Amino acid sequence: IDARLKEVQDHFAEVWGTGDPAKVADLYHPQAVMVHAGKKSIYGREAIIETFKELLASPSDFSTVVDKNLEAGGGEYLIQKGRFLLTGQEGEFPYEQIFKRQEDGSYLIYHDEFHF
C-alpha cells in the first residue's frame, strides 16, 4: 500500500509541476469531490479544473507528511491521511485522500479533503 500510494503521490507532484489545471484534474475521478473543510465542497472534474485554475494562477510549493496509509474493499480503495506544508505558511494542515481503483488497475482521487 505504501509503495503504491508513493507512486500515486509522486505522479501528482510531477503533474502539479506542469501548471496545467486540466492535467491535474485528470488525476481525479469524474465523480470526485474536493472538500475544503469548513469552507466549501467542489464536485466533479469540471469544477475541479476551475478550482485548479485559481490555485495554479499563484502556485505555492508544498510538501506532505504521510501519517497513515490504509486499504479498503480488497484494494478497491486506498486511503492516505497526512499533513501538508505550504511554502510561506506557518503550520501543518491535515488532509485525507481516498483513491478509487480503475479498471486498468490505476487509482484516481475520489475524495480529497483538506484543512487550512
PDB file of N, CA and C in Angstrom:
ATOM      1  N   ILE A   1       0.838  -1.189   0.000  1.00  0.00           N
ATOM      2  CA  ILE A   1       0.000   0.000   0.000  1.00  0.00           C
ATOM      3  C   ILE A   1       0.882   1.252   0.000  1.00  0.00           C
ATOM      4  N   ASP A   2       1.882   1.270   0.866  1.00  0.00           N
ATOM      5  CA  ASP A   2       2.743   2.446   0.977  1.00  0.00           C
ATOM      6  C   ASP A   2       3.435   2.759  -0.350  1.00  0.00           C
ATOM      7  N   ALA A   3       3.994   1.738  -0.987  1.00  0.00           N
ATOM      8  CA  ALA A   3       4.706   1.947  -2.248  1.00  0.00           C
ATOM      9  C   ALA A   3       3.760   2.426  -3.339  1.00  0.00           C
ATOM     10  N   ARG A   4       2.573   1.847  -3.394  1.00  0.00           N
ATOM     11  CA  ARG A   4       1.603   2.241  -4.424  1.00  0.00           C
ATOM     12  C   ARG A   4       1.174   3.694  -4.235  1.00  0.00           C
ATOM     13  N   LEU A   5       0.900   4.086  -2.998  1.00  0.00           N
ATOM     14  CA  LEU A   5       0.496   5.472  -2.753  1.00  0.00           C
ATOM     15  C   LEU A   5       1.649   6.446  -2.976  1.00  0.00           C
ATOM     16  N   LYS A   6       2.871   6.016  -2.725  1.00  0.00           N
ATOM     17  CA  LYS A   6       4.011   6.884  -3.023  1.00  0.00           C
ATOM     18  C   LYS A   6       4.095   7.138  -4.523  1.00  0.00           C
ATOM     19  N   GLU A   7       3.882   6.097  -5.336  1.00  0.00           N
ATOM     20  CA  GLU A   7       3.868   6.266  -6.795  1.00  0.00           C
ATOM     21  C   GLU A   7       2.792   7.263  -7.209  1.00  0.00           C
ATOM     22  N   VAL A   8       1.601   7.098  -6.656  1.00  0.00           N
ATOM     23  CA  VAL A   8       0.475   7.977  -6.997  1.00  0.00           C
ATOM     24  C   VAL A   8       0.805   9.422  -6.614  1.00  0.00           C
ATOM     25  N   GLN A   9       1.347   9.632  -5.427  1.00  0.00           N
ATOM     26  CA  GLN A   9       1.649  10.991  -4.968  1.00  0.00           C
ATOM     27  C   GLN A   9       2.826  11.599  -5.737  1.00  0.00           C
ATOM     28  N   ASP A  10       3.815  10.793  -6.083  1.00  0.00           N
ATOM     29  CA  ASP A  10       4.927  11.290  -6.896  1.00  0.00           C
ATOM     30  C   ASP A  10       4.419  11.742  -8.259  1.00  0.00           C
ATOM     31  N   HIS A  11       3.502  10.972  -8.836  1.00  0.00           N
ATOM     32  CA  HIS A  11       2.916  11.344 -10.125  1.00  0.00           C
ATOM     33  C   HIS A  11       2.123  12.644  -9.989  1.00  0.00           C
ATOM     34  N   PHE A  12       1.371  12.789  -8.898  1.00  0.00           N
ATOM     35  CA  PHE A  12       0.620  14.022  -8.661  1.00  0.00           C
ATOM     36  C   PHE A  12       1.578  15.219  -8.631  1.00  0.00           C
ATOM     37  N   ALA A  13       2.679  15.105  -7.905  1.00  0.00           N
ATOM     38  CA  ALA A  13       3.646  16.204  -7.804  1.00  0.00           C
ATOM     39  C   ALA A  13       4.219  16.549  -9.178  1.00  0.00           C
ATOM     40  N   GLU A  14       4.482  15.525  -9.975  1.00  0.00           N
ATOM     41  CA  GLU A  14       5.004  15.736 -11.327  1.00  0.00           C
ATOM     42  C   GLU A  14       3.991  16.497 -12.178  1.00  0.00           C
ATOM     43  N   VAL A  15       2.737  16.070 -12.139  1.00  0.00           N
ATOM     44  CA  VAL A  15       1.690  16.725 -12.932  1.00  0.00           C
ATOM     45  C   VAL A  15       1.433  18.135 -12.405  1.00  0.00           C
ATOM     46  N   TRP A  16       1.429  18.307 -11.079  1.00  0.00           N
ATOM     47  CA  TRP A  16       1.251  19.636 -10.482  1.00  0.00           C
ATOM     48  C   TRP A  16       2.313  20.596 -11.038  1.00  0.00           C
ATOM     49  N   GLY A  17       3.529  20.090 -11.196  1.00  0.00           N
ATOM     50  CA  GLY A  17       4.630  20.901 -11.697  1.00  0.00           C
ATOM     51  C   GLY A  17       4.436  21.411 -13.112  1.00  0.00           C
ATOM     52  N   THR A  18       3.541  20.796 -13.882  1.00  0.00           N
ATOM     53  CA  THR A  18       3.266  21.286 -15.237  1.00  0.00           C
ATOM     54  C   THR A  18       2.479  22.584 -15.208  1.00  0.00           C
ATOM     55  N   GLY A  19       1.753  22.831 -14.112  1.00  0.00           N
ATOM     56  CA  GLY A  19       0.925  24.030 -14.019  1.00  0.00           C
ATOM     57  C   GLY A  19      -0.340  23.970 -14.844  1.00  0.00           C
ATOM     58  N   ASP A  20      -0.690  22.795 -15.343  1.00  0.00           N
ATOM     59  CA  ASP A  20      -1.868  22.629 -16.207  1.00  0.00           C
ATOM     60  C   ASP A  20      -3.056  22.127 -15.382  1.00  0.00           C
ATOM     61  N   PRO A  21      -4.073  22.984 -15.155  1.00  0.00           N
ATOM     62  CA  PRO A  21      -5.217  22.584 -14.327  1.00  0.00           C
ATOM     63  C   PRO A  21      -5.945  21.343 -14.845  1.00  0.00           C
ATOM     64  N   ALA A  22      -6.074  21.206 -16.154  1.00  0.00           N
ATOM     65  CA  ALA A  22      -6.786  20.054 -16.715  1.00  0.00           C
ATOM     66  C   ALA A  22      -6.008  18.764 -16.463  1.00  0.00           C
ATOM     67  N   LYS A  23      -4.686  18.828 -16.581  1.00  0.00           N
ATOM     68  CA  LYS A  23      -3.875  17.632 -16.327  1.00  0.00           C
ATOM     69  C   LYS A  23      -3.953  17.224 -14.859  1.00  0.00           C
ATOM     70  N   VAL A  24      -3.943  18.210 -13.961  1.00  0.00           N
ATOM     71  CA  VAL A  24      -4.069  17.894 -12.536  1.00  0.00           C
ATOM     72  C   VAL A  24      -5.443  17.284 -12.276  1.00  0.00           C
ATOM     73  N   ALA A  25      -6.480  17.873 -12.844  1.00  0.00           N
ATOM     74  CA  ALA A  25      -7.847  17.365 -12.642  1.00  0.00           C
ATOM     75  C   ALA A  25      -8.023  15.970 -13.227  1.00  0.00           C
ATOM     76  N   ASP A  26      -7.232  15.607 -14.230  1.00  0.00           N
ATOM     77  CA  ASP A  26      -7.307  14.253 -14.798  1.00  0.00           C
ATOM     78  C   ASP A  26      -6.906  13.184 -13.786  1.00  0.00           C
ATOM     79  N   LEU A  27      -6.269  13.576 -12.692  1.00  0.00           N
ATOM     80  CA  LEU A  27      -5.894  12.631 -11.644  1.00  0.00           C
ATOM     81  C   LEU A  27      -7.062  12.354 -10.701  1.00  0.00           C
ATOM     82  N   TYR A  28      -8.180  13.034 -10.929  1.00  0.00           N
ATOM     83  CA  TYR A  28      -9.384  12.895 -10.113  1.00  0.00           C
ATOM     84  C   TYR A  28     -10.435  12.076 -10.851  1.00  0.00           C
ATOM     85  N   HIS A  29     -11.162  11.277 -10.122  1.00  0.00           N
ATOM     86  CA  HIS A  29     -12.280  10.505 -10.651  1.00  0.00           C
ATOM     87  C   HIS A  29     -13.328  11.480 -11.208  1.00  0.00           C
ATOM     88  N   PRO A  30     -14.041  11.111 -12.281  1.00  0.00           N
ATOM     89  CA  PRO A  30     -15.059  12.018 -12.830  1.00  0.00           C
ATOM     90  C   PRO A  30     -16.115  12.457 -11.804  1.00  0.00           C
ATOM     91  N   GLN A  31     -16.346  11.649 -10.790  1.00  0.00           N
ATOM     92  CA  GLN A  31     -17.339  11.999  -9.769  1.00  0.00           C
ATOM     93  C   GLN A  31     -16.676  12.359  -8.435  1.00  0.00           C
ATOM     94  N   ALA A  32     -15.455  12.836  -8.518  1.00  0.00           N
ATOM     95  CA  ALA A  32     -14.697  13.172  -7.308  1.00  0.00           C
ATOM     96  C   ALA A  32     -15.290  14.377  -6.594  1.00  0.00           C
ATOM     97  N   VAL A  33     -14.939  14.467  -5.327  1.00  0.00           N
ATOM     98  CA  VAL A  33     -15.286  15.634  -4.521  1.00  0.00           C
ATOM     99  C   VAL A  33     -14.017  16.129  -3.824  1.00  0.00           C
ATOM    100  N   MET A  34     -13.841  17.451  -3.837  1.00  0.00           N
ATOM    101  CA  MET A  34     -12.801  18.102  -3.044  1.00  0.00           C
ATOM    102  C   MET A  34     -13.516  18.819  -1.912  1.00  0.00           C
ATOM    103  N   VAL A  35     -13.046  18.614  -0.698  1.00  0.00           N
ATOM    104  CA  VAL A  35     -13.677  19.232   0.465  1.00  0.00           C
ATOM    105  C   VAL A  35     -12.658  20.133   1.147  1.00  0.00           C
ATOM    106  N   HIS A  36     -12.897  21.439   1.068  1.00  0.00           N
ATOM    107  CA  HIS A  36     -12.106  22.397   1.835  1.00  0.00           C
ATOM    108  C   HIS A  36     -12.861  22.547   3.147  1.00  0.00           C
ATOM    109  N   ALA A  37     -12.458  21.757   4.125  1.00  0.00           N
ATOM    110  CA  ALA A  37     -13.213  21.574   5.368  1.00  0.00           C
ATOM    111  C   ALA A  37     -13.610  22.906   6.003  1.00  0.00           C
ATOM    112  N   GLY A  38     -14.902  23.005   6.297  1.00  0.00           N
ATOM    113  CA  GLY A  38     -15.438  24.196   6.925  1.00  0.00           C
ATOM    114  C   GLY A  38     -15.659  25.357   5.984  1.00  0.00           C
ATOM    115  N   LYS A  39     -15.340  25.173   4.699  1.00  0.00           N
ATOM    116  CA  LYS A  39     -15.462  26.274   3.744  1.00  0.00           C
ATOM    117  C   LYS A  39     -16.381  25.915   2.581  1.00  0.00           C
ATOM    118  N   LYS A  40     -15.983  24.916   1.766  1.00  0.00           N
ATOM    119  CA  LYS A  40     -16.805  24.551   0.613  1.00  0.00           C
ATOM    120  C   LYS A  40     -16.419  23.174   0.103  1.00  0.00           C
ATOM    121  N   SER A  41     -17.296  22.626  -0.729  1.00  0.00           N
ATOM    122  CA  SER A  41     -17.049  21.353  -1.408  1.00  0.00           C
ATOM    123  C   SER A  41     -17.172  21.583  -2.904  1.00  0.00           C
ATOM    124  N   ILE A  42     -16.345  20.893  -3.662  1.00  0.00           N
ATOM    125  CA  ILE A  42     -16.311  21.023  -5.111  1.00  0.00           C
ATOM    126  C   ILE A  42     -16.565  19.638  -5.687  1.00  0.00           C
ATOM    127  N   TYR A  43     -17.567  19.530  -6.560  1.00  0.00           N
ATOM    128  CA  TYR A  43     -17.980  18.233  -7.091  1.00  0.00           C
ATOM    129  C   TYR A  43     -17.695  18.136  -8.582  1.00  0.00           C
ATOM    130  N   GLY A  44     -17.093  17.040  -8.997  1.00  0.00           N
ATOM    131  CA  GLY A  44     -16.910  16.730 -10.410  1.00  0.00           C
ATOM    132  C   GLY A  44     -15.661  17.353 -11.009  1.00  0.00           C
ATOM    133  N   ARG A  45     -15.198  16.723 -12.065  1.00  0.00           N
ATOM    134  CA  ARG A  45     -13.925  17.109 -12.669  1.00  0.00           C
ATOM    135  C   ARG A  45     -13.941  18.534 -13.230  1.00  0.00           C
ATOM    136  N   GLU A  46     -15.049  18.951 -13.853  1.00  0.00           N
ATOM    137  CA  GLU A  46     -15.093  20.302 -14.434  1.00  0.00           C
ATOM    138  C   GLU A  46     -14.922  21.372 -13.364  1.00  0.00           C
ATOM    139  N   ALA A  47     -15.614  21.210 -12.235  1.00  0.00           N
ATOM    140  CA  ALA A  47     -15.476  22.175 -11.137  1.00  0.00           C
ATOM    141  C   ALA A  47     -14.076  22.100 -10.533  1.00  0.00           C
ATOM    142  N   ILE A  48     -13.500  20.917 -10.522  1.00  0.00           N
ATOM    143  CA  ILE A  48     -12.138  20.756 -10.002  1.00  0.00           C
ATOM    144  C   ILE A  48     -11.140  21.465 -10.920  1.00  0.00           C
ATOM    145  N   ILE A  49     -11.350  21.399 -12.228  1.00  0.00           N
ATOM    146  CA  ILE A  49     -10.488  22.135 -13.167  1.00  0.00           C
ATOM    147  C   ILE A  49     -10.529  23.626 -12.838  1.00  0.00           C
ATOM    148  N   GLU A  50     -11.732  24.165 -12.638  1.00  0.00           N
ATOM    149  CA  GLU A  50     -11.869  25.592 -12.321  1.00  0.00           C
ATOM    150  C   GLU A  50     -11.142  25.936 -11.019  1.00  0.00           C
ATOM    151  N   THR A  51     -11.234  25.061 -10.042  1.00  0.00           N
ATOM    152  CA  THR A  51     -10.543  25.283  -8.770  1.00  0.00           C
ATOM    153  C   THR A  51      -9.031  25.299  -8.976  1.00  0.00           C
ATOM    154  N   PHE A  52      -8.522  24.369  -9.778  1.00  0.00           N
ATOM    155  CA  PHE A  52      -7.079  24.333 -10.018  1.00  0.00           C
ATOM    156  C   PHE A  52      -6.615  25.510 -10.869  1.00  0.00           C
ATOM    157  N   LYS A  53      -7.482  26.056 -11.713  1.00  0.00           N
ATOM    158  CA  LYS A  53      -7.112  27.276 -12.443  1.00  0.00           C
ATOM    159  C   LYS A  53      -6.794  28.385 -11.448  1.00  0.00           C
ATOM    160  N   GLU A  54      -7.617  28.504 -10.410  1.00  0.00           N
ATOM    161  CA  GLU A  54      -7.384  29.517  -9.374  1.00  0.00           C
ATOM    162  C   GLU A  54      -6.109  29.209  -8.585  1.00  0.00           C
ATOM    163  N   LEU A  55      -5.975  27.961  -8.143  1.00  0.00           N
ATOM    164  CA  LEU A  55      -4.822  27.589  -7.320  1.00  0.00           C
ATOM    165  C   LEU A  55      -3.503  27.712  -8.077  1.00  0.00           C
ATOM    166  N   LEU A  56      -3.520  27.335  -9.341  1.00  0.00           N
ATOM    167  CA  LEU A  56      -2.282  27.342 -10.115  1.00  0.00           C
ATOM    168  C   LEU A  56      -1.953  28.717 -10.686  1.00  0.00           C
ATOM    169  N   ALA A  57      -2.885  29.675 -10.564  1.00  0.00           N
ATOM    170  CA  ALA A  57      -2.603  31.043 -11.001  1.00  0.00           C
ATOM    171  C   ALA A  57      -1.519  31.669 -10.123  1.00  0.00           C
ATOM    172  N   SER A  58      -1.485  31.279  -8.863  1.00  0.00           N
ATOM    173  CA  SER A  58      -0.425  31.718  -7.945  1.00  0.00           C
ATOM    174  C   SER A  58      -0.008  30.509  -7.103  1.00  0.00           C
ATOM    175  N   PRO A  59       0.708  29.573  -7.731  1.00  0.00           N
ATOM    176  CA  PRO A  59       1.021  28.306  -7.061  1.00  0.00           C
ATOM    177  C   PRO A  59       1.961  28.476  -5.873  1.00  0.00           C
ATOM    178  N   SER A  60       1.803  27.591  -4.928  1.00  0.00           N
ATOM    179  CA  SER A  60       2.701  27.512  -3.775  1.00  0.00           C
ATOM    180  C   SER A  60       3.390  26.156  -3.812  1.00  0.00           C
ATOM    181  N   ASP A  61       4.653  26.161  -3.454  1.00  0.00           N
ATOM    182  CA  ASP A  61       5.324  24.877  -3.279  1.00  0.00           C
ATOM    183  C   ASP A  61       4.781  24.242  -2.012  1.00  0.00           C
ATOM    184  N   PHE A  62       4.703  22.931  -2.020  1.00  0.00           N
ATOM    185  CA  PHE A  62       4.199  22.235  -0.844  1.00  0.00           C
ATOM    186  C   PHE A  62       4.935  20.919  -0.683  1.00  0.00           C
ATOM    187  N   SER A  63       4.858  20.402   0.517  1.00  0.00           N
ATOM    188  CA  SER A  63       5.364  19.062   0.788  1.00  0.00           C
ATOM    189  C   SER A  63       4.347  18.371   1.684  1.00  0.00           C
ATOM    190  N   THR A  64       4.435  17.056   1.740  1.00  0.00           N
ATOM    191  CA  THR A  64       3.481  16.302   2.548  1.00  0.00           C
ATOM    192  C   THR A  64       4.218  15.423   3.552  1.00  0.00           C
ATOM    193  N   VAL A  65       3.539  15.181   4.650  1.00  0.00           N
ATOM    194  CA  VAL A  65       3.995  14.240   5.667  1.00  0.00           C
ATOM    195  C   VAL A  65       2.883  13.207   5.791  1.00  0.00           C
ATOM    196  N   VAL A  66       3.179  11.971   5.445  1.00  0.00           N
ATOM    197  CA  VAL A  66       2.176  10.909   5.494  1.00  0.00           C
ATOM    198  C   VAL A  66       2.102  10.364   6.915  1.00  0.00           C
ATOM    199  N   ASP A  67       0.888  10.320   7.453  1.00  0.00           N
ATOM    200  CA  ASP A  67       0.679   9.756   8.787  1.00  0.00           C
ATOM    201  C   ASP A  67       0.192   8.318   8.728  1.00  0.00           C
ATOM    202  N   LYS A  68      -0.645   8.008   7.728  1.00  0.00           N
ATOM    203  CA  LYS A  68      -1.223   6.667   7.679  1.00  0.00           C
ATOM    204  C   LYS A  68      -1.711   6.363   6.262  1.00  0.00           C
ATOM    205  N   ASN A  69      -1.429   5.147   5.804  1.00  0.00           N
ATOM    206  CA  ASN A  69      -1.964   4.620   4.552  1.00  0.00           C
ATOM    207  C   ASN A  69      -2.812   3.398   4.875  1.00  0.00           C
ATOM    208  N   LEU A  70      -3.988   3.338   4.281  1.00  0.00           N
ATOM    209  CA  LEU A  70      -4.919   2.239   4.531  1.00  0.00           C
ATOM    210  C   LEU A  70      -5.457   1.703   3.217  1.00  0.00           C
ATOM    211  N   GLU A  71      -5.988   0.497   3.287  1.00  0.00           N
ATOM    212  CA  GLU A  71      -6.621  -0.148   2.136  1.00  0.00           C
ATOM    213  C   GLU A  71      -8.025  -0.560   2.561  1.00  0.00           C
ATOM    214  N   ALA A  72      -8.978  -0.461   1.648  1.00  0.00           N
ATOM    215  CA  ALA A  72     -10.347  -0.887   1.937  1.00  0.00           C
ATOM    216  C   ALA A  72     -10.912  -1.594   0.712  1.00  0.00           C
ATOM    217  N   GLY A  73     -11.845  -2.496   0.960  1.00  0.00           N
ATOM    218  CA  GLY A  73     -12.510  -3.188  -0.140  1.00  0.00           C
ATOM    219  C   GLY A  73     -11.578  -4.032  -0.977  1.00  0.00           C
ATOM    220  N   GLY A  74     -10.612  -4.696  -0.340  1.00  0.00           N
ATOM    221  CA  GLY A  74      -9.697  -5.552  -1.092  1.00  0.00           C
ATOM    222  C   GLY A  74      -8.859  -4.797  -2.107  1.00  0.00           C
ATOM    223  N   GLY A  75      -8.515  -3.554  -1.789  1.00  0.00           N
ATOM    224  CA  GLY A  75      -7.704  -2.747  -2.697  1.00  0.00           C
ATOM    225  C   GLY A  75      -8.518  -1.881  -3.628  1.00  0.00           C
ATOM    226  N   GLU A  76      -9.836  -1.970  -3.545  1.00  0.00           N
ATOM    227  CA  GLU A  76     -10.701  -1.106  -4.370  1.00  0.00           C
ATOM    228  C   GLU A  76     -10.446   0.367  -4.035  1.00  0.00           C
ATOM    229  N   TYR A  77     -10.170   0.622  -2.755  1.00  0.00           N
ATOM    230  CA  TYR A  77      -9.893   1.983  -2.290  1.00  0.00           C
ATOM    231  C   TYR A  77      -8.586   2.001  -1.507  1.00  0.00           C
ATOM    232  N   LEU A  78      -7.808   3.048  -1.712  1.00  0.00           N
ATOM    233  CA  LEU A  78      -6.636   3.326  -0.897  1.00  0.00           C
ATOM    234  C   LEU A  78      -6.883   4.665  -0.217  1.00  0.00           C
ATOM    235  N   ILE A  79      -6.480   4.769   1.025  1.00  0.00           N
ATOM    236  CA  ILE A  79      -6.743   5.966   1.818  1.00  0.00           C
ATOM    237  C   ILE A  79      -5.419   6.458   2.389  1.00  0.00           C
ATOM    238  N   GLN A  80      -5.193   7.747   2.248  1.00  0.00           N
ATOM    239  CA  GLN A  80      -3.994   8.337   2.825  1.00  0.00           C
ATOM    240  C   GLN A  80      -4.390   9.512   3.709  1.00  0.00           C
ATOM    241  N   LYS A  81      -3.835   9.513   4.925  1.00  0.00           N
ATOM    242  CA  LYS A  81      -4.040  10.614   5.863  1.00  0.00           C
ATOM    243  C   LYS A  81      -2.673  11.207   6.162  1.00  0.00           C
ATOM    244  N   GLY A  82      -2.623  12.516   6.206  1.00  0.00           N
ATOM    245  CA  GLY A  82      -1.354  13.161   6.498  1.00  0.00           C
ATOM    246  C   GLY A  82      -1.522  14.646   6.711  1.00  0.00           C
ATOM    247  N   ARG A  83      -0.394  15.340   6.538  1.00  0.00           N
ATOM    248  CA  ARG A  83      -0.356  16.786   6.703  1.00  0.00           C
ATOM    249  C   ARG A  83       0.444  17.372   5.555  1.00  0.00           C
ATOM    250  N   PHE A  84       0.039  18.559   5.098  1.00  0.00           N
ATOM    251  CA  PHE A  84       0.835  19.216   4.079  1.00  0.00           C
ATOM    252  C   PHE A  84       1.338  20.550   4.607  1.00  0.00           C
ATOM    253  N   LEU A  85       2.461  20.957   4.076  1.00  0.00           N
ATOM    254  CA  LEU A  85       3.103  22.209   4.459  1.00  0.00           C
ATOM    255  C   LEU A  85       3.198  23.066   3.210  1.00  0.00           C
ATOM    256  N   LEU A  86       2.803  24.321   3.325  1.00  0.00           N
ATOM    257  CA  LEU A  86       2.869  25.259   2.211  1.00  0.00           C
ATOM    258  C   LEU A  86       4.022  26.226   2.436  1.00  0.00           C
ATOM    259  N   THR A  87       4.806  26.458   1.400  1.00  0.00           N
ATOM    260  CA  THR A  87       5.886  27.422   1.495  1.00  0.00           C
ATOM    261  C   THR A  87       5.293  28.792   1.825  1.00  0.00           C
ATOM    262  N   GLY A  88       5.854  29.440   2.832  1.00  0.00           N
ATOM    263  CA  GLY A  88       5.384  30.765   3.213  1.00  0.00           C
ATOM    264  C   GLY A  88       4.224  30.769   4.192  1.00  0.00           C
ATOM    265  N   GLN A  89       3.734  29.602   4.577  1.00  0.00           N
ATOM    266  CA  GLN A  89       2.635  29.495   5.546  1.00  0.00           C
ATOM    267  C   GLN A  89       3.150  28.779   6.784  1.00  0.00           C
ATOM    268  N   GLU A  90       2.752  29.254   7.934  1.00  0.00           N
ATOM    269  CA  GLU A  90       3.125  28.590   9.185  1.00  0.00           C
ATOM    270  C   GLU A  90       2.207  27.412   9.437  1.00  0.00           C
ATOM    271  N   GLY A  91       2.744  26.350   9.968  1.00  0.00           N
ATOM    272  CA  GLY A  91       1.933  25.229  10.408  1.00  0.00           C
ATOM    273  C   GLY A  91       1.812  24.111   9.393  1.00  0.00           C
ATOM    274  N   GLU A  92       1.190  23.051   9.865  1.00  0.00           N
ATOM    275  CA  GLU A  92       0.900  21.873   9.046  1.00  0.00           C
ATOM    276  C   GLU A  92      -0.613  21.747   8.951  1.00  0.00           C
ATOM    277  N   PHE A  93      -1.082  21.343   7.784  1.00  0.00           N
ATOM    278  CA  PHE A  93      -2.508  21.293   7.518  1.00  0.00           C
ATOM    279  C   PHE A  93      -2.926  19.854   7.215  1.00  0.00           C
ATOM    280  N   PRO A  94      -3.888  19.307   7.953  1.00  0.00           N
ATOM    281  CA  PRO A  94      -4.301  17.917   7.736  1.00  0.00           C
ATOM    282  C   PRO A  94      -4.991  17.720   6.387  1.00  0.00           C
ATOM    283  N   TYR A  95      -4.795  16.533   5.834  1.00  0.00           N
ATOM    284  CA  TYR A  95      -5.520  16.135   4.625  1.00  0.00           C
ATOM    285  C   TYR A  95      -5.851  14.654   4.705  1.00  0.00           C
ATOM    286  N   GLU A  96      -6.844  14.278   3.926  1.00  0.00           N
ATOM    287  CA  GLU A  96      -7.196  12.866   3.747  1.00  0.00           C
ATOM    288  C   GLU A  96      -7.638  12.692   2.304  1.00  0.00           C
ATOM    289  N   GLN A  97      -7.074  11.695   1.644  1.00  0.00           N
ATOM    290  CA  GLN A  97      -7.446  11.393   0.264  1.00  0.00           C
ATOM    291  C   GLN A  97      -7.867   9.936   0.163  1.00  0.00           C
ATOM    292  N   ILE A  98      -8.921   9.723  -0.611  1.00  0.00           N
ATOM    293  CA  ILE A  98      -9.385   8.372  -0.922  1.00  0.00           C
ATOM    294  C   ILE A  98      -9.215   8.188  -2.422  1.00  0.00           C
ATOM    295  N   PHE A  99      -8.536   7.116  -2.794  1.00  0.00           N
ATOM    296  CA  PHE A  99      -8.269   6.802  -4.192  1.00  0.00           C
ATOM    297  C   PHE A  99      -9.091   5.581  -4.581  1.00  0.00           C
ATOM    298  N   LYS A 100      -9.717   5.635  -5.753  1.00  0.00           N
ATOM    299  CA  LYS A 100     -10.546   4.524  -6.237  1.00  0.00           C
ATOM    300  C   LYS A 100      -9.821   3.841  -7.390  1.00  0.00           C
ATOM    301  N   ARG A 101      -9.723   2.513  -7.300  1.00  0.00           N
ATOM    302  CA  ARG A 101      -9.061   1.736  -8.355  1.00  0.00           C
ATOM    303  C   ARG A 101      -9.911   1.754  -9.621  1.00  0.00           C
ATOM    304  N   GLN A 102      -9.244   1.886 -10.751  1.00  0.00           N
ATOM    305  CA  GLN A 102      -9.902   1.890 -12.052  1.00  0.00           C
ATOM    306  C   GLN A 102      -9.750   0.515 -12.711  1.00  0.00           C
ATOM    307  N   GLU A 103     -10.457   0.305 -13.794  1.00  0.00           N
ATOM    308  CA  GLU A 103     -10.422  -0.998 -14.483  1.00  0.00           C
ATOM    309  C   GLU A 103      -9.015  -1.395 -14.905  1.00  0.00           C
ATOM    310  N   ASP A 104      -8.172  -0.398 -15.241  1.00  0.00           N
ATOM    311  CA  ASP A 104      -6.809  -0.709 -15.679  1.00  0.00           C
ATOM    312  C   ASP A 104      -5.831  -0.895 -14.510  1.00  0.00           C
ATOM    313  N   GLY A 105      -6.347  -0.819 -13.270  1.00  0.00           N
ATOM    314  CA  GLY A 105      -5.511  -1.008 -12.094  1.00  0.00           C
ATOM    315  C   GLY A 105      -4.933   0.277 -11.526  1.00  0.00           C
ATOM    316  N   SER A 106      -5.086   1.370 -12.254  1.00  0.00           N
ATOM    317  CA  SER A 106      -4.605   2.656 -11.743  1.00  0.00           C
ATOM    318  C   SER A 106      -5.585   3.196 -10.701  1.00  0.00           C
ATOM    319  N   TYR A 107      -5.186   4.245 -10.023  1.00  0.00           N
ATOM    320  CA  TYR A 107      -6.035   4.863  -8.998  1.00  0.00           C
ATOM    321  C   TYR A 107      -6.251   6.333  -9.319  1.00  0.00           C
ATOM    322  N   LEU A 108      -7.486   6.782  -9.116  1.00  0.00           N
ATOM    323  CA  LEU A 108      -7.824   8.196  -9.239  1.00  0.00           C
ATOM    324  C   LEU A 108      -8.326   8.698  -7.890  1.00  0.00           C
ATOM    325  N   ILE A 109      -8.117   9.981  -7.648  1.00  0.00           N
ATOM    326  CA  ILE A 109      -8.586  10.583  -6.399  1.00  0.00           C
ATOM    327  C   ILE A 109     -10.108  10.672  -6.448  1.00  0.00           C
ATOM    328  N   TYR A 110     -10.741  10.095  -5.453  1.00  0.00           N
ATOM    329  CA  TYR A 110     -12.200  10.048  -5.370  1.00  0.00           C
ATOM    330  C   TYR A 110     -12.722  11.051  -4.341  1.00  0.00           C
ATOM    331  N   HIS A 111     -11.950  11.255  -3.293  1.00  0.00           N
ATOM    332  CA  HIS A 111     -12.318  12.181  -2.215  1.00  0.00           C
ATOM    333  C   HIS A 111     -11.033  12.847  -1.745  1.00  0.00           C
ATOM    334  N   ASP A 112     -11.021  14.171  -1.745  1.00  0.00           N
ATOM    335  CA  ASP A 112      -9.831  14.933  -1.369  1.00  0.00           C
ATOM    336  C   ASP A 112     -10.265  15.980  -0.347  1.00  0.00           C
ATOM    337  N   GLU A 113      -9.901  15.772   0.907  1.00  0.00           N
ATOM    338  CA  GLU A 113     -10.322  16.679   1.980  1.00  0.00           C
ATOM    339  C   GLU A 113      -9.097  17.305   2.626  1.00  0.00           C
ATOM    340  N   PHE A 114      -9.160  18.610   2.808  1.00  0.00           N
ATOM    341  CA  PHE A 114      -8.019  19.315   3.387  1.00  0.00           C
ATOM    342  C   PHE A 114      -8.502  20.447   4.276  1.00  0.00           C
ATOM    343  N   HIS A 115      -7.654  20.803   5.238  1.00  0.00           N
ATOM    344  CA  HIS A 115      -7.956  21.846   6.221  1.00  0.00           C
ATOM    345  C   HIS A 115      -6.857  22.899   6.156  1.00  0.00           C
ATOM    346  N   PHE A 116      -7.227  24.131   5.882  1.00  0.00           N
ATOM    347  CA  PHE A 116      -6.298  25.261   6.045  1.00  0.00           C
ATOM    348  C   PHE A 116      -7.051  26.550   5.943  1.00  0.00           C
TER     349      PHE A 116
END
